[in-house]
Amino acid sequence: MLKQDMSKYSIITLEEVHSTNSYALENILSFDDKTVIFSPHQSLGRGRYNRKWISDNTENLYISFILKPENISNYPFANLTQYLSVILCDLLKQEFNLNPQIKWPNDILINGYKISGILAESYMENNRIKAIVLGLGLNVNLNQETIEKIDQKATSLYVLLNKNFNVENILNKLCDKFFQKYDDFINKGFAYIKKEYIMQCNFLGSNIKVREFDKEKNYFAKSIDDEGLLVVIDENNIESKIITGDVLC
């Protein structure tokens, strides 16, 4: 295990781990606020709703941010994954000249193909949240052969740009961007990222299908509200807000 200290955060590198999120939660009391767990290999990567994340390629990026906010009462828990999705989109645009899109609430797509997934989990004591683990998987040097094993449309930086990339360079740039604006985000909440977030959501103003747990329903995607919720209109012209779920199309 290698620990790298930064001015605002620290990075702990593990050669291999079952899941950076699981490892962080299992050892949460040992870590300070703003610690990042990084591993080039996950044996049991997972996404939202405990879905498996293909993560046996040692040249991809698997990280978890450990966050222990002091002011829990006003902390924007629900918007953390959206904040990270905006930060990652900004990185992909600036560093790789790509045009990423957010599929609500936090999947990152390039040309309709998923390149990154984000998962937030909490650590609780006495029914109160004490820490958040914010995980991210980014397909960096995943080749086409491995991508074809994934049960959904996916891509990688290697497939898109036909070259390999230094994963640790991407890690450092992503962490710098994340913590550069992090304090402003936790003070201002979703309003701080709302404009950037909406700019990356290409499905707004169109018909979509949303899966909430085991049910699927058709909607018109009207807008994103000030809390980061998806505002939709159903087939009976009734407006509502989606709190949790997946936009399928």
C-alpha atoms as a PDB file:
ATOM      1  CA  MET A   1       0.000   0.000   0.000  1.00  0.00           C
ATOM      2  CA  LEU A   2       1.400   3.373  -1.076  1.00  0.00           C
ATOM      3  CA  LYS A   3       0.173   6.651   0.413  1.00  0.00           C
ATOM      4  CA  GLN A   4       0.674   9.836  -1.562  1.00  0.00           C
ATOM      5  CA  ASP A   5       0.089  13.093   0.323  1.00  0.00           C
ATOM      6  CA  MET A   6      -1.313  16.185  -1.401  1.00  0.00           C
ATOM      7  CA  SER A   7      -1.965  19.668  -0.058  1.00  0.00           C
ATOM      8  CA  LYS A   8      -5.735  19.141   0.139  1.00  0.00           C
ATOM      9  CA  TYR A   9      -6.118  15.378  -0.027  1.00  0.00           C
ATOM     10  CA  SER A  10      -4.213  12.108   0.091  1.00  0.00           C
ATOM     11  CA  ILE A  11      -4.165   9.134  -2.271  1.00  0.00           C
ATOM     12  CA  ILE A  12      -3.715   5.563  -1.076  1.00  0.00           C
ATOM     13  CA  THR A  13      -2.736   3.129  -3.833  1.00  0.00           C
ATOM     14  CA  LEU A  14      -3.528  -0.575  -3.512  1.00  0.00           C
ATOM     15  CA  GLU A  15      -2.100  -3.046  -6.024  1.00  0.00           C
ATOM     16  CA  GLU A  16      -5.327  -5.029  -6.026  1.00  0.00           C
ATOM     17  CA  VAL A  17      -8.612  -4.870  -4.152  1.00  0.00           C
ATOM     18  CA  HIS A  18     -12.020  -6.525  -4.360  1.00  0.00           C
ATOM     19  CA  SER A  19     -13.710  -3.124  -4.638  1.00  0.00           C
ATOM     20  CA  THR A  20     -12.370   0.311  -3.728  1.00  0.00           C
ATOM     21  CA  ASN A  21     -15.764   1.266  -2.286  1.00  0.00           C
ATOM     22  CA  SER A  22     -16.022  -1.892  -0.192  1.00  0.00           C
ATOM     23  CA  TYR A  23     -12.446  -1.524   1.038  1.00  0.00           C
ATOM     24  CA  ALA A  24     -13.084   2.098   2.001  1.00  0.00           C
ATOM     25  CA  LEU A  25     -16.251   1.218   3.918  1.00  0.00           C
ATOM     26  CA  GLU A  26     -14.604  -1.715   5.686  1.00  0.00           C
ATOM     27  CA  ASN A  27     -11.736   0.486   6.866  1.00  0.00           C
ATOM     28  CA  ILE A  28     -13.539   3.811   7.090  1.00  0.00           C
ATOM     29  CA  LEU A  29     -12.448   4.597  10.666  1.00  0.00           C
ATOM     30  CA  SER A  30      -8.787   4.404   9.629  1.00  0.00           C
ATOM     31  CA  PHE A  31      -9.019   7.138   7.012  1.00  0.00           C
ATOM     32  CA  ASP A  32      -9.110  10.915   7.216  1.00  0.00           C
ATOM     33  CA  ASP A  33     -11.487  13.161   5.336  1.00  0.00           C
ATOM     34  CA  LYS A  34     -10.527  13.679   1.666  1.00  0.00           C
ATOM     35  CA  THR A  35      -8.683  10.381   1.315  1.00  0.00           C
ATOM     36  CA  VAL A  36      -8.760   8.736  -2.126  1.00  0.00           C
ATOM     37  CA  ILE A  37      -8.441   4.966  -2.529  1.00  0.00           C
ATOM     38  CA  PHE A  38      -6.986   3.990  -5.911  1.00  0.00           C
ATOM     39  CA  SER A  39      -6.367   0.561  -7.375  1.00  0.00           C
ATOM     40  CA  PRO A  40      -5.398  -0.503 -10.912  1.00  0.00           C
ATOM     41  CA  HIS A  41      -7.339  -3.748 -10.416  1.00  0.00           C
ATOM     42  CA  GLN A  42     -10.700  -4.623  -8.862  1.00  0.00           C
ATOM     43  CA  SER A  43     -11.803  -8.231  -8.602  1.00  0.00           C
ATOM     44  CA  LEU A  44     -15.415  -7.477  -7.640  1.00  0.00           C
ATOM     45  CA  GLY A  45     -16.249  -4.054  -9.017  1.00  0.00           C
ATOM     46  CA  ARG A  46     -19.896  -3.040  -8.759  1.00  0.00           C
ATOM     47  CA  GLY A  47     -22.242  -0.264  -9.721  1.00  0.00           C
ATOM     48  CA  ARG A  48     -25.669   0.995  -8.700  1.00  0.00           C
ATOM     49  CA  TYR A  49     -28.177  -1.617  -7.495  1.00  0.00           C
ATOM     50  CA  ASN A  50     -25.189  -3.965  -6.935  1.00  0.00           C
ATOM     51  CA  ARG A  51     -24.650  -4.456 -10.665  1.00  0.00           C
ATOM     52  CA  LYS A  52     -21.316  -5.940 -11.682  1.00  0.00           C
ATOM     53  CA  TRP A  53     -18.776  -3.527 -13.179  1.00  0.00           C
ATOM     54  CA  ILE A  54     -16.274  -5.214 -15.524  1.00  0.00           C
ATOM     55  CA  SER A  55     -13.010  -4.312 -13.818  1.00  0.00           C
ATOM     56  CA  ASP A  56     -10.412  -7.000 -14.492  1.00  0.00           C
ATOM     57  CA  ASN A  57      -8.367  -4.776 -16.781  1.00  0.00           C
ATOM     58  CA  THR A  58      -5.411  -3.369 -14.860  1.00  0.00           C
ATOM     59  CA  GLU A  59      -5.164  -0.253 -16.995  1.00  0.00           C
ATOM     60  CA  ASN A  60      -8.463   1.324 -16.032  1.00  0.00           C
ATOM     61  CA  LEU A  61      -9.216   3.819 -13.272  1.00  0.00           C
ATOM     62  CA  TYR A  62     -10.961   2.620 -10.114  1.00  0.00           C
ATOM     63  CA  ILE A  63     -11.124   5.080  -7.228  1.00  0.00           C
ATOM     64  CA  SER A  64     -13.166   5.945  -4.152  1.00  0.00           C
ATOM     65  CA  PHE A  65     -13.292   9.329  -2.429  1.00  0.00           C
ATOM     66  CA  ILE A  66     -13.691   9.137   1.355  1.00  0.00           C
ATOM     67  CA  LEU A  67     -15.554  12.206   2.588  1.00  0.00           C
ATOM     68  CA  LYS A  68     -16.228  13.029   6.235  1.00  0.00           C
ATOM     69  CA  PRO A  69     -18.005  16.405   6.293  1.00  0.00           C
ATOM     70  CA  GLU A  70     -18.136  18.354   9.541  1.00  0.00           C
ATOM     71  CA  ASN A  71     -21.506  19.999   8.870  1.00  0.00           C
ATOM     72  CA  ILE A  72     -23.716  17.003   8.134  1.00  0.00           C
ATOM     73  CA  SER A  73     -27.009  18.902   8.394  1.00  0.00           C
ATOM     74  CA  ASN A  74     -26.475  21.000   5.254  1.00  0.00           C
ATOM     75  CA  TYR A  75     -24.368  18.565   3.250  1.00  0.00           C
ATOM     76  CA  PRO A  76     -25.677  17.915  -0.321  1.00  0.00           C
ATOM     77  CA  PHE A  77     -25.546  14.113  -0.096  1.00  0.00           C
ATOM     78  CA  ALA A  78     -28.020  13.514  -2.893  1.00  0.00           C
ATOM     79  CA  ASN A  79     -26.014  15.540  -5.406  1.00  0.00           C
ATOM     80  CA  LEU A  80     -22.528  14.152  -4.807  1.00  0.00           C
ATOM     81  CA  THR A  81     -22.630  11.758  -7.748  1.00  0.00           C
ATOM     82  CA  GLN A  82     -23.910  14.556  -9.964  1.00  0.00           C
ATOM     83  CA  TYR A  83     -21.045  16.778  -8.852  1.00  0.00           C
ATOM     84  CA  LEU A  84     -18.503  14.083  -9.715  1.00  0.00           C
ATOM     85  CA  SER A  85     -20.166  13.512 -13.100  1.00  0.00           C
ATOM     86  CA  VAL A  86     -19.753  17.218 -13.920  1.00  0.00           C
ATOM     87  CA  ILE A  87     -16.103  17.151 -12.829  1.00  0.00           C
ATOM     88  CA  LEU A  88     -15.382  14.083 -14.964  1.00  0.00           C
ATOM     89  CA  CYS A  89     -17.142  15.580 -17.996  1.00  0.00           C
ATOM     90  CA  ASP A  90     -14.999  18.690 -17.648  1.00  0.00           C
ATOM     91  CA  LEU A  91     -11.853  16.534 -17.534  1.00  0.00           C
ATOM     92  CA  LEU A  92     -12.862  14.519 -20.602  1.00  0.00           C
ATOM     93  CA  LYS A  93     -13.552  17.702 -22.562  1.00  0.00           C
ATOM     94  CA  GLN A  94     -10.419  19.580 -21.572  1.00  0.00           C
ATOM     95  CA  GLU A  95      -7.857  16.775 -21.604  1.00  0.00           C
ATOM     96  CA  PHE A  96      -9.168  14.542 -24.396  1.00  0.00           C
ATOM     97  CA  ASN A  97     -11.313  16.847 -26.551  1.00  0.00           C
ATOM     98  CA  LEU A  98     -14.302  14.529 -26.143  1.00  0.00           C
ATOM     99  CA  ASN A  99     -17.991  15.390 -25.934  1.00  0.00           C
ATOM    100  CA  PRO A 100     -19.291  13.518 -22.860  1.00  0.00           C
ATOM    101  CA  GLN A 101     -22.947  13.352 -21.905  1.00  0.00           C
ATOM    102  CA  ILE A 102     -24.623  12.605 -18.592  1.00  0.00           C
ATOM    103  CA  LYS A 103     -27.368  10.007 -18.453  1.00  0.00           C
ATOM    104  CA  TRP A 104     -29.315  10.953 -15.332  1.00  0.00           C
ATOM    105  CA  PRO A 105     -28.290  10.798 -12.633  1.00  0.00           C
ATOM    106  CA  ASN A 106     -24.592  10.138 -13.133  1.00  0.00           C
ATOM    107  CA  ASP A 107     -23.549   7.720 -15.901  1.00  0.00           C
ATOM    108  CA  ILE A 108     -21.115   9.232 -18.392  1.00  0.00           C
ATOM    109  CA  LEU A 109     -21.581   8.429 -22.079  1.00  0.00           C
ATOM    110  CA  ILE A 110     -19.591   9.182 -25.216  1.00  0.00           C
ATOM    111  CA  ASN A 111     -21.630   8.933 -28.427  1.00  0.00           C
ATOM    112  CA  GLY A 112     -24.213   6.913 -26.510  1.00  0.00           C
ATOM    113  CA  TYR A 113     -21.671   4.430 -25.101  1.00  0.00           C
ATOM    114  CA  LYS A 114     -20.951   4.243 -21.380  1.00  0.00           C
ATOM    115  CA  ILE A 115     -17.408   5.145 -20.358  1.00  0.00           C
ATOM    116  CA  SER A 116     -17.852   5.700 -16.622  1.00  0.00           C
ATOM    117  CA  GLY A 117     -20.094   4.789 -13.721  1.00  0.00           C
ATOM    118  CA  ILE A 118     -20.372   6.400 -10.286  1.00  0.00           C
ATOM    119  CA  LEU A 119     -21.593   4.945  -6.994  1.00  0.00           C
ATOM    120  CA  ALA A 120     -22.083   6.699  -3.635  1.00  0.00           C
ATOM    121  CA  GLU A 121     -22.458   4.785  -0.368  1.00  0.00           C
ATOM    122  CA  SER A 122     -22.697   5.978   3.215  1.00  0.00           C
ATOM    123  CA  TYR A 123     -21.276   4.886   6.549  1.00  0.00           C
ATOM    124  CA  MET A 124     -23.646   5.308   9.485  1.00  0.00           C
ATOM    125  CA  GLU A 125     -23.399   5.299  13.266  1.00  0.00           C
ATOM    126  CA  ASN A 126     -26.454   5.561  15.521  1.00  0.00           C
ATOM    127  CA  ASN A 127     -28.662   6.100  12.453  1.00  0.00           C
ATOM    128  CA  ARG A 128     -26.615   9.110  11.369  1.00  0.00           C
ATOM    129  CA  ILE A 129     -24.388   9.426   8.332  1.00  0.00           C
ATOM    130  CA  LYS A 130     -20.775   9.826   9.407  1.00  0.00           C
ATOM    131  CA  ALA A 131     -18.977   9.385   6.090  1.00  0.00           C
ATOM    132  CA  ILE A 132     -19.583   9.002   2.368  1.00  0.00           C
ATOM    133  CA  VAL A 133     -17.672   6.804  -0.043  1.00  0.00           C
ATOM    134  CA  LEU A 134     -17.918   8.064  -3.609  1.00  0.00           C
ATOM    135  CA  GLY A 135     -16.667   5.543  -6.153  1.00  0.00           C
ATOM    136  CA  LEU A 136     -15.870   5.925  -9.828  1.00  0.00           C
ATOM    137  CA  GLY A 137     -14.853   3.531 -12.576  1.00  0.00           C
ATOM    138  CA  LEU A 138     -13.485   4.966 -15.830  1.00  0.00           C
ATOM    139  CA  ASN A 139     -12.694   2.815 -18.848  1.00  0.00           C
ATOM    140  CA  VAL A 140      -9.237   4.016 -19.869  1.00  0.00           C
ATOM    141  CA  ASN A 141      -7.221   1.374 -21.731  1.00  0.00           C
ATOM    142  CA  LEU A 142      -9.989  -1.195 -22.104  1.00  0.00           C
ATOM    143  CA  ASN A 143      -9.680  -2.883 -25.520  1.00  0.00           C
ATOM    144  CA  GLN A 144     -12.494  -3.745 -27.907  1.00  0.00           C
ATOM    145  CA  GLU A 145     -12.303  -7.468 -27.148  1.00  0.00           C
ATOM    146  CA  THR A 146     -12.961  -6.883 -23.467  1.00  0.00           C
ATOM    147  CA  ILE A 147     -15.660  -4.289 -24.145  1.00  0.00           C
ATOM    148  CA  GLU A 148     -17.608  -6.844 -26.168  1.00  0.00           C
ATOM    149  CA  LYS A 149     -17.961  -8.945 -22.991  1.00  0.00           C
ATOM    150  CA  ILE A 150     -19.909  -6.150 -21.280  1.00  0.00           C
ATOM    151  CA  ASP A 151     -23.693  -6.565 -21.261  1.00  0.00           C
ATOM    152  CA  GLN A 152     -24.340  -2.955 -22.304  1.00  0.00           C
ATOM    153  CA  LYS A 153     -23.039  -0.435 -24.826  1.00  0.00           C
ATOM    154  CA  ALA A 154     -19.623   0.659 -23.548  1.00  0.00           C
ATOM    155  CA  THR A 155     -16.441   2.331 -24.712  1.00  0.00           C
ATOM    156  CA  SER A 156     -13.037   3.473 -23.438  1.00  0.00           C
ATOM    157  CA  LEU A 157     -10.481   6.201 -24.040  1.00  0.00           C
ATOM    158  CA  TYR A 158      -8.337   3.639 -25.880  1.00  0.00           C
ATOM    159  CA  VAL A 159     -11.146   2.674 -28.264  1.00  0.00           C
ATOM    160  CA  LEU A 160     -12.129   6.307 -28.866  1.00  0.00           C
ATOM    161  CA  LEU A 161      -8.652   7.749 -29.362  1.00  0.00           C
ATOM    162  CA  ASN A 162      -6.618   4.697 -30.433  1.00  0.00           C
ATOM    163  CA  LYS A 163      -3.858   5.125 -27.855  1.00  0.00           C
ATOM    164  CA  ASN A 164      -2.962   4.105 -24.315  1.00  0.00           C
ATOM    165  CA  PHE A 165      -3.001   6.579 -21.444  1.00  0.00           C
ATOM    166  CA  ASN A 166      -1.218   6.874 -18.119  1.00  0.00           C
ATOM    167  CA  VAL A 167      -3.891   6.040 -15.563  1.00  0.00           C
ATOM    168  CA  GLU A 168      -2.150   7.754 -12.659  1.00  0.00           C
ATOM    169  CA  ASN A 169      -1.915  11.012 -14.616  1.00  0.00           C
ATOM    170  CA  ILE A 170      -5.673  10.886 -15.115  1.00  0.00           C
ATOM    171  CA  LEU A 171      -6.140  10.054 -11.436  1.00  0.00           C
ATOM    172  CA  ASN A 172      -4.161  13.095 -10.298  1.00  0.00           C
ATOM    173  CA  LYS A 173      -5.922  15.471 -12.685  1.00  0.00           C
ATOM    174  CA  LEU A 174      -9.349  14.172 -11.667  1.00  0.00           C
ATOM    175  CA  CYS A 175      -8.591  14.513  -7.947  1.00  0.00           C
ATOM    176  CA  ASP A 176      -7.236  18.029  -8.436  1.00  0.00           C
ATOM    177  CA  LYS A 177     -10.402  19.066 -10.259  1.00  0.00           C
ATOM    178  CA  PHE A 178     -12.667  17.362  -7.724  1.00  0.00           C
ATOM    179  CA  PHE A 179     -11.184  19.025  -4.658  1.00  0.00           C
ATOM    180  CA  GLN A 180     -10.584  22.379  -6.354  1.00  0.00           C
ATOM    181  CA  LYS A 181     -14.334  23.051  -6.410  1.00  0.00           C
ATOM    182  CA  TYR A 182     -15.475  20.661  -3.673  1.00  0.00           C
ATOM    183  CA  ASP A 183     -15.774  23.209  -0.848  1.00  0.00           C
ATOM    184  CA  ASP A 184     -17.815  25.570  -3.033  1.00  0.00           C
ATOM    185  CA  PHE A 185     -20.088  22.692  -4.000  1.00  0.00           C
ATOM    186  CA  ILE A 186     -20.795  21.565  -0.418  1.00  0.00           C
ATOM    187  CA  ASN A 187     -21.544  25.174   0.566  1.00  0.00           C
ATOM    188  CA  LYS A 188     -23.857  25.929  -2.373  1.00  0.00           C
ATOM    189  CA  GLY A 189     -25.259  22.513  -3.267  1.00  0.00           C
ATOM    190  CA  PHE A 190     -26.677  21.531  -6.636  1.00  0.00           C
ATOM    191  CA  ALA A 191     -27.200  25.175  -7.625  1.00  0.00           C
ATOM    192  CA  TYR A 192     -23.416  25.460  -7.958  1.00  0.00           C
ATOM    193  CA  ILE A 193     -23.300  22.842 -10.754  1.00  0.00           C
ATOM    194  CA  LYS A 194     -26.831  23.020 -12.165  1.00  0.00           C
ATOM    195  CA  LYS A 195     -25.972  24.926 -15.350  1.00  0.00           C
ATOM    196  CA  GLU A 196     -23.007  22.695 -16.208  1.00  0.00           C
ATOM    197  CA  TYR A 197     -24.972  19.563 -15.356  1.00  0.00           C
ATOM    198  CA  ILE A 198     -27.900  20.460 -17.596  1.00  0.00           C
ATOM    199  CA  MET A 199     -25.556  21.327 -20.473  1.00  0.00           C
ATOM    200  CA  GLN A 200     -24.326  17.716 -20.436  1.00  0.00           C
ATOM    201  CA  CYS A 201     -27.818  16.115 -20.337  1.00  0.00           C
ATOM    202  CA  ASN A 202     -28.734  15.461 -23.951  1.00  0.00           C
ATOM    203  CA  PHE A 203     -32.004  13.629 -23.190  1.00  0.00           C
ATOM    204  CA  LEU A 204     -33.902  16.655 -21.847  1.00  0.00           C
ATOM    205  CA  GLY A 205     -36.806  17.680 -24.058  1.00  0.00           C
ATOM    206  CA  SER A 206     -37.295  14.165 -25.419  1.00  0.00           C
ATOM    207  CA  ASN A 207     -39.235  10.987 -24.678  1.00  0.00           C
ATOM    208  CA  ILE A 208     -37.432   8.604 -22.327  1.00  0.00           C
ATOM    209  CA  LYS A 209     -37.948   5.319 -20.535  1.00  0.00           C
ATOM    210  CA  VAL A 210     -37.128   5.188 -16.836  1.00  0.00           C
ATOM    211  CA  ARG A 211     -36.578   2.065 -14.762  1.00  0.00           C
ATOM    212  CA  GLU A 212     -37.311   2.403 -11.065  1.00  0.00           C
ATOM    213  CA  PHE A 213     -36.309  -0.842  -9.363  1.00  0.00           C
ATOM    214  CA  ASP A 214     -38.236  -3.507 -11.325  1.00  0.00           C
ATOM    215  CA  LYS A 215     -40.677  -1.219 -13.154  1.00  0.00           C
ATOM    216  CA  GLU A 216     -40.249   0.657 -16.433  1.00  0.00           C
ATOM    217  CA  LYS A 217     -42.318   3.637 -17.505  1.00  0.00           C
ATOM    218  CA  ASN A 218     -42.348   6.094 -20.420  1.00  0.00           C
ATOM    219  CA  TYR A 219     -42.028   9.826 -19.792  1.00  0.00           C
ATOM    220  CA  PHE A 220     -41.230  13.129 -21.418  1.00  0.00           C
ATOM    221  CA  ALA A 221     -38.073  14.548 -19.818  1.00  0.00           C
ATOM    222  CA  LYS A 222     -39.013  18.144 -18.994  1.00  0.00           C
ATOM    223  CA  SER A 223     -36.165  19.502 -16.861  1.00  0.00           C
ATOM    224  CA  ILE A 224     -33.823  19.143 -13.900  1.00  0.00           C
ATOM    225  CA  ASP A 225     -35.031  21.011 -10.807  1.00  0.00           C
ATOM    226  CA  ASP A 226     -32.995  22.980  -8.246  1.00  0.00           C
ATOM    227  CA  GLU A 227     -32.445  19.836  -6.169  1.00  0.00           C
ATOM    228  CA  GLY A 228     -31.091  17.815  -9.086  1.00  0.00           C
ATOM    229  CA  LEU A 229     -34.264  15.756  -9.496  1.00  0.00           C
ATOM    230  CA  LEU A 230     -35.522  14.770 -12.934  1.00  0.00           C
ATOM    231  CA  VAL A 231     -38.863  16.441 -13.759  1.00  0.00           C
ATOM    232  CA  VAL A 232     -40.978  14.304 -16.097  1.00  0.00           C
ATOM    233  CA  ILE A 233     -44.441  14.209 -17.645  1.00  0.00           C
ATOM    234  CA  ASP A 234     -46.170  10.850 -18.031  1.00  0.00           C
ATOM    235  CA  GLU A 235     -48.536   9.586 -20.724  1.00  0.00           C
ATOM    236  CA  ASN A 236     -51.494  11.116 -18.852  1.00  0.00           C
ATOM    237  CA  ASN A 237     -49.833  14.550 -18.889  1.00  0.00           C
ATOM    238  CA  ILE A 238     -49.157  14.359 -15.151  1.00  0.00           C
ATOM    239  CA  GLU A 239     -45.940  16.009 -13.996  1.00  0.00           C
ATOM    240  CA  SER A 240     -43.779  14.358 -11.327  1.00  0.00           C
ATOM    241  CA  LYS A 241     -40.196  14.121 -10.129  1.00  0.00           C
ATOM    242  CA  ILE A 242     -37.927  11.099 -10.320  1.00  0.00           C
ATOM    243  CA  ILE A 243     -35.901  10.626  -7.146  1.00  0.00           C
ATOM    244  CA  THR A 244     -34.128   7.385  -8.007  1.00  0.00           C
ATOM    245  CA  GLY A 245     -33.949   5.233 -11.113  1.00  0.00           C
ATOM    246  CA  ASP A 246     -32.220   4.780 -14.458  1.00  0.00           C
ATOM    247  CA  VAL A 247     -32.875   6.583 -17.707  1.00  0.00           C
ATOM    248  CA  LEU A 248     -32.835   3.787 -20.297  1.00  0.00           C
ATOM    249  CA  CYS A 249     -33.327   5.809 -23.459  1.00  0.00           C
END
